[in-house]
């Protein structure tokens, strides 16, 4: 009888210890998360100056325990002041993405992402007689990634491109599109980010 009581007590203690280790880190069905990018850069040499600004927020929603769907916006501004020509470019983008997560309920997850983006870009050249140049385009990319929760609501994320296709076309009649196809795993192009989970 003592052996049975000790065995039951050991099972309860083990179960209680495991319950204490359970955390709310990780993703679950119905979770919403936000991430994105923001940056500013400047380069100057003699009379030449180049500056850039970027903001790109994203939001995602877990529709199942393993699948998240989301949307992203983007804005990039580039200014090139190389005397005597000044050039300004503004690009807007909108896109959607889907992710499939492996072990989303744990601290560490691996995921694959499929994203589609549409973008439009306008370049103004400050030169007599120069006309604005407008481009429209879209891109499709597949990328692997990992995420690791460092707190209940915050996770570090890393993604890198492996397969991508893009097409850009000058916004004028009879213009031909410039198509690009990329495949490869370049560890120099890893994107690091921070995710906030609601």
Protein backbone atom coordinates (compact mmCIF):
# COMPACT_ATOMS: atom_id res chain seq x y z
CA UNK A 1 0.00 0.00 0.00
CA UNK A 2 2.86 2.38 0.80
CA UNK A 3 4.28 1.78 -2.70
CA UNK A 4 0.96 2.73 -4.32
CA UNK A 5 0.67 5.91 -2.22
CA UNK A 6 4.27 6.88 -2.99
CA UNK A 7 3.73 6.21 -6.71
CA UNK A 8 0.58 8.36 -6.78
CA UNK A 9 2.37 11.12 -4.85
CA UNK A 10 5.29 10.97 -7.32
CA UNK A 11 2.90 11.23 -10.29
CA UNK A 12 1.18 14.27 -8.75
CA UNK A 13 4.53 15.92 -8.02
CA UNK A 14 5.75 15.26 -11.59
CA UNK A 15 2.51 16.60 -13.04
CA UNK A 16 2.68 19.69 -10.84
CA UNK A 17 6.30 20.34 -11.84
CA UNK A 18 5.41 20.07 -15.53
CA UNK A 19 2.46 22.40 -15.04
CA UNK A 20 4.80 24.97 -13.50
CA UNK A 21 7.05 24.85 -16.59
CA UNK A 22 4.16 25.58 -18.98
CA UNK A 23 4.30 29.16 -20.22
CA UNK A 24 2.15 31.33 -22.45
CA UNK A 25 5.02 31.86 -24.86
CA UNK A 26 4.52 30.67 -28.41
CA UNK A 27 1.64 31.13 -30.83
CA UNK A 28 -1.90 29.74 -30.68
CA UNK A 29 -5.04 29.82 -32.79
CA UNK A 30 -6.52 33.35 -32.75
CA UNK A 31 -3.28 35.15 -31.87
CA UNK A 32 -2.50 38.44 -33.61
CA UNK A 33 1.05 39.70 -34.12
CA UNK A 34 2.72 42.78 -35.55
CA UNK A 35 6.20 43.28 -36.92
CA UNK A 36 7.86 45.45 -39.52
CA UNK A 37 10.83 47.54 -40.47
CA UNK A 38 11.85 51.15 -40.06
CA UNK A 39 15.13 52.67 -41.11
CA UNK A 40 17.03 55.74 -42.18
CA UNK A 41 20.39 56.00 -43.93
CA UNK A 42 22.58 58.75 -45.29
CA UNK A 43 25.79 58.85 -47.31
CA UNK A 44 27.83 61.92 -48.25
CA UNK A 45 30.94 62.37 -50.35
CA UNK A 46 32.07 65.80 -51.54
CA UNK A 47 29.00 67.43 -53.15
CA UNK A 48 27.09 64.15 -53.48
CA UNK A 49 24.56 63.16 -50.81
CA UNK A 50 22.20 60.17 -50.75
CA UNK A 51 19.57 59.66 -48.08
CA UNK A 52 16.93 56.96 -47.66
CA UNK A 53 13.97 56.34 -45.37
CA UNK A 54 11.86 53.18 -45.05
CA UNK A 55 8.84 52.09 -43.02
CA UNK A 56 7.11 48.73 -43.53
CA UNK A 57 4.59 47.51 -40.91
CA UNK A 58 3.06 44.00 -41.04
CA UNK A 59 0.20 42.32 -39.17
CA UNK A 60 -0.66 38.63 -38.99
CA UNK A 61 -3.47 36.49 -37.59
CA UNK A 62 -3.42 32.77 -36.75
CA UNK A 63 -6.45 31.22 -38.48
CA UNK A 64 -5.45 27.72 -37.29
CA UNK A 65 -2.86 26.55 -34.73
CA UNK A 66 -0.24 26.30 -37.51
CA UNK A 67 -1.31 28.80 -40.21
CA UNK A 68 -1.06 32.59 -40.05
CA UNK A 69 -2.33 35.00 -42.71
CA UNK A 70 -1.34 38.63 -42.87
CA UNK A 71 -0.90 41.90 -44.72
CA UNK A 72 1.94 44.40 -45.03
CA UNK A 73 2.43 47.96 -46.24
CA UNK A 74 5.64 49.63 -47.27
CA UNK A 75 7.02 53.05 -48.09
CA UNK A 76 10.57 53.84 -49.24
CA UNK A 77 11.90 57.32 -50.00
CA UNK A 78 15.27 57.84 -51.67
CA UNK A 79 16.91 61.19 -52.41
CA UNK A 80 20.08 61.50 -54.48
CA UNK A 81 21.57 65.00 -54.50
CA UNK A 82 24.48 64.60 -56.89
CA UNK A 83 25.26 68.01 -58.40
CA UNK A 84 23.96 69.16 -60.83
CA UNK A 85 21.18 66.53 -60.88
CA UNK A 86 18.79 65.88 -58.01
CA UNK A 87 16.70 62.73 -58.06
CA UNK A 88 13.86 61.73 -55.73
CA UNK A 89 12.14 58.33 -55.64
CA UNK A 90 9.10 57.25 -53.67
CA UNK A 91 7.88 53.66 -53.61
CA UNK A 92 4.66 52.36 -52.08
CA UNK A 93 3.88 48.67 -51.67
CA UNK A 94 1.05 46.54 -50.37
CA UNK A 95 1.13 42.80 -49.93
CA UNK A 96 -0.29 39.69 -48.32
CA UNK A 97 1.47 36.68 -46.86
CA UNK A 98 0.77 33.26 -45.45
CA UNK A 99 2.93 31.30 -43.02
CA UNK A 100 2.97 27.67 -41.96
CA UNK A 101 4.53 27.15 -38.52
CA UNK A 102 6.06 23.97 -37.12
CA UNK A 103 5.68 23.77 -33.31
CA UNK A 104 4.00 27.19 -32.99
CA UNK A 105 3.06 26.64 -29.33
CA UNK A 106 6.68 26.36 -28.19
CA UNK A 107 9.31 29.06 -27.64
CA UNK A 108 11.16 28.07 -30.82
CA UNK A 109 9.34 27.70 -34.16
CA UNK A 110 10.30 27.14 -37.76
CA UNK A 111 8.06 28.53 -40.50
CA UNK A 112 7.77 28.89 -44.25
CA UNK A 113 6.33 32.07 -45.75
CA UNK A 114 4.72 32.73 -49.13
CA UNK A 115 4.27 36.44 -49.90
CA UNK A 116 2.86 38.47 -52.79
CA UNK A 117 3.49 42.22 -53.10
CA UNK A 118 2.34 44.95 -55.47
CA UNK A 119 4.42 48.12 -55.71
CA UNK A 120 4.46 51.42 -57.52
CA UNK A 121 7.44 53.76 -57.78
CA UNK A 122 7.78 57.35 -58.98
CA UNK A 123 11.11 59.03 -59.70
CA UNK A 124 11.41 62.79 -60.15
CA UNK A 125 14.54 64.18 -61.80
CA UNK A 126 15.30 67.87 -61.21
CA UNK A 127 16.65 68.61 -64.67
CA UNK A 128 15.15 70.94 -67.32
CA UNK A 129 13.00 68.92 -69.72
CA UNK A 130 13.17 65.72 -67.65
CA UNK A 131 9.89 63.89 -67.08
CA UNK A 132 8.87 61.85 -64.06
CA UNK A 133 9.43 58.11 -64.39
CA UNK A 134 6.79 55.73 -63.02
CA UNK A 135 7.03 51.98 -62.50
CA UNK A 136 4.49 49.38 -61.44
CA UNK A 137 5.37 45.87 -60.43
CA UNK A 138 4.74 42.84 -58.31
CA UNK A 139 6.77 40.18 -56.58
CA UNK A 140 6.29 36.67 -55.25
CA UNK A 141 8.67 35.15 -52.74
CA UNK A 142 9.02 31.99 -50.66
CA UNK A 143 11.22 32.18 -47.60
CA UNK A 144 12.05 30.04 -44.57
CA UNK A 145 12.28 31.55 -41.11
CA UNK A 146 12.61 30.94 -37.40
CA UNK A 147 11.16 32.64 -34.35
CA UNK A 148 12.14 32.45 -30.69
CA UNK A 149 10.13 33.92 -27.81
CA UNK A 150 12.24 35.95 -25.39
CA UNK A 151 9.20 36.96 -23.30
CA UNK A 152 5.47 36.27 -23.15
CA UNK A 153 4.62 38.74 -25.92
CA UNK A 154 7.94 39.29 -27.72
CA UNK A 155 9.77 37.04 -30.15
CA UNK A 156 12.90 37.43 -32.22
CA UNK A 157 12.51 36.46 -35.86
CA UNK A 158 14.91 35.70 -38.70
CA UNK A 159 14.00 35.16 -42.36
CA UNK A 160 16.02 34.86 -45.53
CA UNK A 161 15.02 34.65 -49.18
CA UNK A 162 15.27 31.38 -51.06
CA UNK A 163 12.93 31.73 -54.04
CA UNK A 164 11.64 34.93 -55.60
CA UNK A 165 10.13 36.32 -58.80
CA UNK A 166 9.48 39.97 -59.61
CA UNK A 167 8.21 41.92 -62.59
CA UNK A 168 8.49 45.70 -63.02
CA UNK A 169 7.12 47.72 -65.92
CA UNK A 170 7.53 51.34 -66.93
CA UNK A 171 4.16 53.09 -66.75
CA UNK A 172 3.86 54.00 -70.42
CA UNK A 173 2.47 52.47 -73.60
CA UNK A 174 4.39 49.61 -75.24
CA UNK A 175 6.84 49.37 -72.33
CA UNK A 176 8.28 45.93 -71.70
CA UNK A 177 8.41 44.43 -68.24
CA UNK A 178 11.70 43.61 -66.56
CA UNK A 179 11.36 40.13 -65.03
CA UNK A 180 13.71 38.75 -62.37
CA UNK A 181 13.98 35.27 -60.90
CA UNK A 182 16.12 34.47 -57.86
CA UNK A 183 16.87 31.16 -56.19
CA UNK A 184 19.39 30.55 -53.49
CA UNK A 185 20.17 30.58 -49.82
CA UNK A 186 22.43 33.54 -49.10
CA UNK A 187 23.12 33.81 -45.38
CA UNK A 188 24.37 37.37 -45.93
CA UNK A 189 20.78 38.43 -46.59
CA UNK A 190 19.23 37.32 -43.30
CA UNK A 191 16.54 39.71 -42.06
CA UNK A 192 16.22 40.01 -38.29
CA UNK A 193 13.14 41.37 -36.61
CA UNK A 194 11.07 41.62 -33.46
CA UNK A 195 7.47 40.39 -33.20
CA UNK A 196 4.87 41.58 -30.71
CA UNK A 197 2.04 39.14 -29.99
CA UNK A 198 -1.29 40.44 -28.65
